[in-house]
Amino acid sequence: MIVMNRNGATQAGQQPEVHAPEGRTPDQHDAYTVATCLREADHDGHLLAALKPNLMPQQA
């Protein structure tokens, strides 16, 4: 499992924070965390690779 820490870095096996930062509900913080991970994956090219896998013609 990959988890984002307060600084935006991700590390496997790290436990997530159980409280949301001030000013956000837990649900808002969850949405923020997912959006941040997706933004970083898009920035470094991993998102496109995940959303457009190399498929054989018969798999498409």
Protein backbone atom coordinates (compact mmCIF):
# COMPACT_ATOMS: atom_id res chain seq x y z
CA MET A 1 0.00 0.00 0.00
CA ILE A 2 1.25 3.49 -0.83
CA VAL A 3 0.34 6.31 1.53
CA MET A 4 0.99 10.04 1.24
CA ASN A 5 2.56 11.78 4.21
CA ARG A 6 2.10 15.42 5.27
CA ASN A 7 4.88 16.59 2.94
CA GLY A 8 3.26 14.97 -0.09
CA ALA A 9 5.81 12.16 -0.29
CA THR A 10 4.64 8.59 -0.58
CA GLN A 11 6.11 5.56 1.09
CA ALA A 12 4.98 1.94 1.06
CA GLY A 13 3.68 0.59 4.33
CA GLN A 14 3.41 3.96 6.05
CA GLN A 15 0.33 4.43 8.25
CA PRO A 16 -1.99 7.27 7.15
CA GLU A 17 -2.91 10.10 9.48
CA VAL A 18 -6.15 9.45 11.31
CA HIS A 19 -7.19 13.10 11.59
CA ALA A 20 -7.79 15.66 8.89
CA PRO A 21 -5.80 18.90 8.86
CA GLU A 22 -7.59 21.87 10.35
CA GLY A 23 -10.23 23.31 8.08
CA ARG A 24 -11.06 20.03 6.32
CA THR A 25 -13.47 17.28 7.20
CA PRO A 26 -12.07 13.73 7.02
CA ASP A 27 -13.93 13.21 3.72
CA GLN A 28 -12.50 16.43 2.29
CA HIS A 29 -9.02 15.39 3.34
CA ASP A 30 -9.48 11.98 1.71
CA ALA A 31 -10.53 13.68 -1.55
CA TYR A 32 -7.57 16.08 -1.31
CA THR A 33 -5.15 13.20 -0.76
CA VAL A 34 -6.47 11.22 -3.74
CA ALA A 35 -6.40 14.32 -5.96
CA THR A 36 -2.81 15.06 -4.91
CA CYS A 37 -1.70 11.50 -5.68
CA LEU A 38 -3.41 11.65 -9.09
CA ARG A 39 -1.81 15.05 -9.85
CA GLU A 40 1.65 13.70 -9.01
CA ALA A 41 1.06 10.56 -11.06
CA ASP A 42 -0.04 12.73 -13.99
CA HIS A 43 2.97 15.00 -13.61
CA ASP A 44 5.50 12.15 -13.69
CA GLY A 45 3.74 10.19 -16.46
CA HIS A 46 2.52 7.25 -14.39
CA LEU A 47 -1.16 8.17 -14.68
CA LEU A 48 -1.20 8.03 -18.47
CA ALA A 49 0.58 4.67 -18.42
CA ALA A 50 -1.95 3.31 -15.92
CA LEU A 51 -4.95 4.58 -17.87
CA LYS A 52 -3.66 3.49 -21.27
CA PRO A 53 -2.10 0.04 -20.87
CA ASN A 54 -0.43 -1.72 -23.80
CA LEU A 55 -3.09 -4.19 -24.91
CA MET A 56 -3.02 -6.77 -27.64
CA PRO A 57 -5.59 -6.03 -30.44
CA GLN A 58 -7.82 -8.88 -29.23
CA GLN A 59 -7.85 -7.41 -25.69
CA ALA A 60 -9.00 -3.94 -26.73
